[in-house]
Amino acid sequence: MLKKSVHQEPAIPLWKRVPTRTDAGELASDFIMILSGIKQLGLTQKQLVYDKLYQVLKTYAADILLAEVNTHMNILWISHKPRPGLGTEIATMVHHHVPQAKLISERFV
């Protein structure tokens, strides 16, 4: 189940928390998207972006291992189960619903 939450306190760095394997031991895939200009948005506009992201991500909840927005760095990091074309599909849907989201890094298995 995809949980919607906001954390404000310092946490363990994301690169240390991102799952590298699925529960079945398969190598996970991941990608990073930059969310251009999200820092400059007002609270209402940010919430609209987050709601759109949530709607897209919950569609893929069974395949996503981790999805996290870092507003300080303007990035969205998604780690998912390895399935051909899945990362591209998710990134495309995110970009379709949040046009300022651009794919900047990927590791598709």
N, C-alpha and C. Protein backbone atom coordinates (compact mmCIF):
# COMPACT_ATOMS: atom_id res chain seq x y z
N MET A 1 0.84 -1.19 0.00
CA MET A 1 0.00 0.00 0.00
C MET A 1 0.88 1.24 0.00
N LEU A 2 0.64 2.14 -0.91
CA LEU A 2 1.38 3.38 -1.01
C LEU A 2 0.91 4.34 0.07
N LYS A 3 1.84 4.80 0.90
CA LYS A 3 1.49 5.72 1.98
C LYS A 3 1.85 7.13 1.56
N LYS A 4 0.98 8.06 1.89
CA LYS A 4 1.21 9.47 1.61
C LYS A 4 1.63 10.11 2.92
N SER A 5 2.86 10.63 2.96
CA SER A 5 3.32 11.25 4.20
C SER A 5 4.30 12.37 3.90
N VAL A 6 4.48 13.23 4.87
CA VAL A 6 5.42 14.33 4.78
C VAL A 6 6.32 14.25 6.00
N HIS A 7 7.63 14.29 5.77
CA HIS A 7 8.60 14.27 6.86
C HIS A 7 9.39 15.57 6.81
N GLN A 8 9.52 16.23 7.93
CA GLN A 8 10.24 17.49 8.00
C GLN A 8 11.57 17.37 8.76
N GLU A 9 11.75 16.33 9.55
CA GLU A 9 12.96 16.20 10.34
C GLU A 9 14.08 15.58 9.50
N PRO A 10 15.35 15.82 9.89
CA PRO A 10 16.47 15.22 9.17
C PRO A 10 16.35 13.69 9.22
N ALA A 11 16.77 13.06 8.15
CA ALA A 11 16.66 11.60 8.07
C ALA A 11 17.96 11.02 7.54
N ILE A 12 18.00 9.71 7.53
CA ILE A 12 19.13 9.01 6.93
C ILE A 12 19.16 9.39 5.45
N PRO A 13 20.34 9.66 4.89
CA PRO A 13 20.41 10.04 3.47
C PRO A 13 19.68 9.03 2.58
N LEU A 14 19.01 9.56 1.58
CA LEU A 14 18.20 8.75 0.69
C LEU A 14 19.00 7.62 0.04
N TRP A 15 20.22 7.91 -0.40
CA TRP A 15 21.01 6.88 -1.08
C TRP A 15 21.29 5.69 -0.17
N LYS A 16 21.19 5.90 1.15
CA LYS A 16 21.38 4.78 2.09
C LYS A 16 20.07 4.00 2.31
N ARG A 17 18.93 4.64 2.03
CA ARG A 17 17.63 4.02 2.28
C ARG A 17 17.01 3.36 1.06
N VAL A 18 17.45 3.73 -0.11
CA VAL A 18 16.84 3.20 -1.34
C VAL A 18 17.06 1.69 -1.41
N PRO A 19 15.98 0.94 -1.60
CA PRO A 19 16.13 -0.52 -1.72
C PRO A 19 16.90 -0.89 -2.98
N THR A 20 17.83 -1.81 -2.84
CA THR A 20 18.60 -2.26 -3.99
C THR A 20 18.09 -3.59 -4.53
N ARG A 21 17.28 -4.27 -3.73
CA ARG A 21 16.72 -5.56 -4.12
C ARG A 21 15.25 -5.64 -3.73
N THR A 22 14.50 -6.45 -4.47
CA THR A 22 13.10 -6.70 -4.12
C THR A 22 13.05 -7.74 -3.01
N ASP A 23 11.86 -8.00 -2.49
CA ASP A 23 11.70 -9.04 -1.48
C ASP A 23 12.12 -10.41 -2.02
N ALA A 24 12.00 -10.59 -3.34
CA ALA A 24 12.37 -11.86 -3.98
C ALA A 24 13.86 -11.92 -4.30
N GLY A 25 14.61 -10.85 -3.99
CA GLY A 25 16.05 -10.85 -4.23
C GLY A 25 16.46 -10.31 -5.59
N GLU A 26 15.51 -9.86 -6.40
CA GLU A 26 15.83 -9.30 -7.71
C GLU A 26 16.45 -7.92 -7.54
N LEU A 27 17.35 -7.56 -8.44
CA LEU A 27 17.97 -6.24 -8.43
C LEU A 27 16.92 -5.19 -8.78
N ALA A 28 16.75 -4.20 -7.92
CA ALA A 28 15.76 -3.14 -8.15
C ALA A 28 16.26 -2.15 -9.20
N SER A 29 15.34 -1.47 -9.82
CA SER A 29 15.65 -0.39 -10.76
C SER A 29 15.24 0.92 -10.10
N ASP A 30 15.87 2.02 -10.52
CA ASP A 30 15.47 3.31 -9.98
C ASP A 30 15.76 4.42 -10.97
N PHE A 31 15.16 5.56 -10.70
CA PHE A 31 15.42 6.74 -11.51
C PHE A 31 15.14 7.98 -10.68
N ILE A 32 15.70 9.09 -11.15
CA ILE A 32 15.54 10.38 -10.49
C ILE A 32 14.99 11.36 -11.51
N MET A 33 14.01 12.15 -11.07
CA MET A 33 13.48 13.22 -11.90
C MET A 33 13.68 14.54 -11.16
N ILE A 34 14.04 15.57 -11.90
CA ILE A 34 14.14 16.90 -11.30
C ILE A 34 12.77 17.55 -11.40
N LEU A 35 12.36 18.21 -10.35
CA LEU A 35 11.08 18.92 -10.31
C LEU A 35 11.38 20.41 -10.40
N SER A 36 11.58 20.88 -11.61
CA SER A 36 11.99 22.27 -11.83
C SER A 36 11.02 23.26 -11.21
N GLY A 37 11.59 24.17 -10.43
CA GLY A 37 10.82 25.29 -9.90
C GLY A 37 9.90 24.99 -8.73
N ILE A 38 9.93 23.79 -8.19
CA ILE A 38 8.99 23.46 -7.10
C ILE A 38 9.27 24.29 -5.85
N LYS A 39 10.52 24.68 -5.63
CA LYS A 39 10.85 25.50 -4.46
C LYS A 39 10.15 26.85 -4.50
N GLN A 40 9.96 27.38 -5.68
CA GLN A 40 9.40 28.72 -5.82
C GLN A 40 7.87 28.74 -5.76
N LEU A 41 7.24 27.57 -5.79
CA LEU A 41 5.78 27.52 -5.77
C LEU A 41 5.24 27.85 -4.39
N GLY A 42 4.05 28.41 -4.37
CA GLY A 42 3.36 28.64 -3.11
C GLY A 42 2.86 27.32 -2.55
N LEU A 43 2.43 27.35 -1.31
CA LEU A 43 1.97 26.14 -0.63
C LEU A 43 0.84 25.43 -1.39
N THR A 44 -0.11 26.18 -1.89
CA THR A 44 -1.24 25.60 -2.61
C THR A 44 -0.78 24.92 -3.90
N GLN A 45 0.11 25.58 -4.64
CA GLN A 45 0.61 25.01 -5.89
C GLN A 45 1.47 23.78 -5.63
N LYS A 46 2.29 23.81 -4.57
CA LYS A 46 3.08 22.63 -4.21
C LYS A 46 2.16 21.45 -3.89
N GLN A 47 1.12 21.72 -3.13
CA GLN A 47 0.20 20.65 -2.77
C GLN A 47 -0.47 20.06 -4.01
N LEU A 48 -0.77 20.88 -4.99
CA LEU A 48 -1.35 20.39 -6.24
C LEU A 48 -0.38 19.46 -6.97
N VAL A 49 0.90 19.85 -7.00
CA VAL A 49 1.94 18.99 -7.61
C VAL A 49 2.03 17.68 -6.85
N TYR A 50 2.08 17.74 -5.52
CA TYR A 50 2.17 16.52 -4.71
C TYR A 50 0.96 15.61 -4.93
N ASP A 51 -0.21 16.20 -5.02
CA ASP A 51 -1.42 15.41 -5.26
C ASP A 51 -1.38 14.71 -6.61
N LYS A 52 -0.89 15.41 -7.64
CA LYS A 52 -0.77 14.81 -8.97
C LYS A 52 0.24 13.67 -8.94
N LEU A 53 1.38 13.89 -8.28
CA LEU A 53 2.39 12.83 -8.15
C LEU A 53 1.80 11.63 -7.43
N TYR A 54 1.10 11.88 -6.35
CA TYR A 54 0.51 10.78 -5.58
C TYR A 54 -0.46 9.96 -6.43
N GLN A 55 -1.28 10.63 -7.22
CA GLN A 55 -2.24 9.92 -8.06
C GLN A 55 -1.53 9.02 -9.08
N VAL A 56 -0.45 9.51 -9.68
CA VAL A 56 0.32 8.70 -10.62
C VAL A 56 0.98 7.53 -9.90
N LEU A 57 1.64 7.81 -8.79
CA LEU A 57 2.40 6.79 -8.09
C LEU A 57 1.51 5.70 -7.49
N LYS A 58 0.32 6.06 -7.05
CA LYS A 58 -0.53 5.02 -6.47
C LYS A 58 -1.02 4.05 -7.56
N THR A 59 -1.03 4.49 -8.81
CA THR A 59 -1.36 3.59 -9.92
C THR A 59 -0.34 2.45 -10.01
N TYR A 60 0.91 2.75 -9.65
CA TYR A 60 2.01 1.78 -9.73
C TYR A 60 2.44 1.27 -8.35
N ALA A 61 1.60 1.43 -7.36
CA ALA A 61 1.97 1.10 -5.98
C ALA A 61 2.46 -0.34 -5.81
N ALA A 62 1.93 -1.27 -6.56
CA ALA A 62 2.34 -2.67 -6.42
C ALA A 62 3.78 -2.89 -6.92
N ASP A 63 4.27 -1.98 -7.75
CA ASP A 63 5.61 -2.13 -8.33
C ASP A 63 6.66 -1.19 -7.75
N ILE A 64 6.21 -0.14 -7.06
CA ILE A 64 7.15 0.85 -6.51
C ILE A 64 7.64 0.39 -5.15
N LEU A 65 8.95 0.40 -4.99
CA LEU A 65 9.57 0.03 -3.72
C LEU A 65 9.76 1.26 -2.84
N LEU A 66 10.06 2.41 -3.44
CA LEU A 66 10.24 3.65 -2.71
C LEU A 66 9.99 4.80 -3.68
N ALA A 67 9.29 5.80 -3.23
CA ALA A 67 9.11 7.05 -3.98
C ALA A 67 9.22 8.18 -2.99
N GLU A 68 10.13 9.11 -3.27
CA GLU A 68 10.34 10.20 -2.32
C GLU A 68 10.63 11.49 -3.05
N VAL A 69 9.97 12.55 -2.61
CA VAL A 69 10.23 13.89 -3.12
C VAL A 69 11.13 14.59 -2.12
N ASN A 70 12.22 15.18 -2.63
CA ASN A 70 13.09 16.00 -1.82
C ASN A 70 12.94 17.43 -2.33
N THR A 71 12.16 18.25 -1.62
CA THR A 71 11.92 19.61 -2.09
C THR A 71 13.15 20.50 -1.95
N HIS A 72 14.04 20.18 -1.03
CA HIS A 72 15.28 20.96 -0.89
C HIS A 72 16.14 20.82 -2.14
N MET A 73 16.18 19.61 -2.69
CA MET A 73 16.99 19.34 -3.89
C MET A 73 16.17 19.36 -5.18
N ASN A 74 14.85 19.54 -5.08
CA ASN A 74 13.96 19.53 -6.24
C ASN A 74 13.98 18.21 -7.00
N ILE A 75 14.01 17.08 -6.29
CA ILE A 75 14.05 15.81 -7.00
C ILE A 75 12.96 14.85 -6.53
N LEU A 76 12.63 13.94 -7.42
CA LEU A 76 11.76 12.81 -7.14
C LEU A 76 12.59 11.57 -7.42
N TRP A 77 12.73 10.70 -6.45
CA TRP A 77 13.49 9.46 -6.60
C TRP A 77 12.51 8.31 -6.51
N ILE A 78 12.54 7.44 -7.51
CA ILE A 78 11.65 6.27 -7.51
C ILE A 78 12.48 5.02 -7.71
N SER A 79 12.28 4.05 -6.81
CA SER A 79 12.88 2.74 -6.91
C SER A 79 11.74 1.76 -7.14
N HIS A 80 11.91 0.84 -8.10
CA HIS A 80 10.79 -0.04 -8.46
C HIS A 80 11.28 -1.44 -8.80
N LYS A 81 10.33 -2.35 -8.88
CA LYS A 81 10.63 -3.72 -9.26
C LYS A 81 11.14 -3.75 -10.69
N PRO A 82 12.02 -4.71 -10.98
CA PRO A 82 12.55 -4.78 -12.35
C PRO A 82 11.52 -5.40 -13.29
N ARG A 83 11.10 -4.61 -14.24
CA ARG A 83 10.20 -5.08 -15.29
C ARG A 83 10.51 -4.26 -16.52
N PRO A 84 10.77 -4.89 -17.65
CA PRO A 84 11.13 -4.13 -18.85
C PRO A 84 10.12 -3.03 -19.16
N GLY A 85 10.63 -1.82 -19.30
CA GLY A 85 9.81 -0.68 -19.66
C GLY A 85 9.07 0.01 -18.52
N LEU A 86 9.10 -0.57 -17.32
CA LEU A 86 8.34 0.01 -16.21
C LEU A 86 8.84 1.39 -15.82
N GLY A 87 10.14 1.57 -15.70
CA GLY A 87 10.69 2.87 -15.31
C GLY A 87 10.33 3.95 -16.31
N THR A 88 10.45 3.62 -17.58
CA THR A 88 10.09 4.57 -18.63
C THR A 88 8.61 4.91 -18.57
N GLU A 89 7.79 3.90 -18.33
CA GLU A 89 6.34 4.10 -18.24
C GLU A 89 5.99 5.03 -17.07
N ILE A 90 6.56 4.77 -15.90
CA ILE A 90 6.27 5.60 -14.73
C ILE A 90 6.76 7.03 -14.97
N ALA A 91 8.00 7.18 -15.44
CA ALA A 91 8.57 8.52 -15.69
C ALA A 91 7.73 9.29 -16.71
N THR A 92 7.25 8.61 -17.73
CA THR A 92 6.42 9.25 -18.74
C THR A 92 5.11 9.73 -18.15
N MET A 93 4.50 8.89 -17.31
CA MET A 93 3.23 9.28 -16.68
C MET A 93 3.44 10.45 -15.70
N VAL A 94 4.53 10.41 -14.95
CA VAL A 94 4.82 11.52 -14.03
C VAL A 94 4.96 12.80 -14.84
N HIS A 95 5.75 12.76 -15.92
CA HIS A 95 5.97 13.95 -16.74
C HIS A 95 4.67 14.44 -17.39
N HIS A 96 3.82 13.51 -17.79
CA HIS A 96 2.54 13.88 -18.40
C HIS A 96 1.67 14.68 -17.42
N HIS A 97 1.65 14.25 -16.17
CA HIS A 97 0.81 14.90 -15.17
C HIS A 97 1.49 16.07 -14.45
N VAL A 98 2.83 16.03 -14.42
CA VAL A 98 3.62 17.11 -13.79
C VAL A 98 4.70 17.49 -14.80
N PRO A 99 4.37 18.36 -15.77
CA PRO A 99 5.29 18.66 -16.87
C PRO A 99 6.66 19.19 -16.46
N GLN A 100 6.76 19.80 -15.29
CA GLN A 100 8.07 20.30 -14.84
C GLN A 100 8.99 19.17 -14.37
N ALA A 101 8.48 17.95 -14.26
CA ALA A 101 9.30 16.80 -13.87
C ALA A 101 10.05 16.28 -15.09
N LYS A 102 11.37 16.25 -14.99
CA LYS A 102 12.23 15.80 -16.10
C LYS A 102 13.15 14.69 -15.61
N LEU A 103 13.25 13.62 -16.40
CA LEU A 103 14.12 12.50 -16.07
C LEU A 103 15.57 12.94 -16.18
N ILE A 104 16.36 12.73 -15.11
CA ILE A 104 17.77 13.13 -15.14
C ILE A 104 18.72 11.98 -14.91
N SER A 105 18.25 10.90 -14.31
CA SER A 105 19.12 9.77 -14.03
C SER A 105 18.28 8.51 -13.98
N GLU A 106 18.83 7.43 -14.52
CA GLU A 106 18.08 6.18 -14.50
C GLU A 106 19.00 4.98 -14.37
N ARG A 107 18.47 3.95 -13.76
CA ARG A 107 19.16 2.66 -13.69
C ARG A 107 18.06 1.61 -13.85
N PHE A 108 17.75 1.34 -15.11
CA PHE A 108 16.71 0.36 -15.42
C PHE A 108 17.40 -0.97 -15.66
N VAL A 109 16.93 -1.98 -14.96
CA VAL A 109 17.49 -3.33 -15.13
C VAL A 109 16.70 -4.05 -16.19
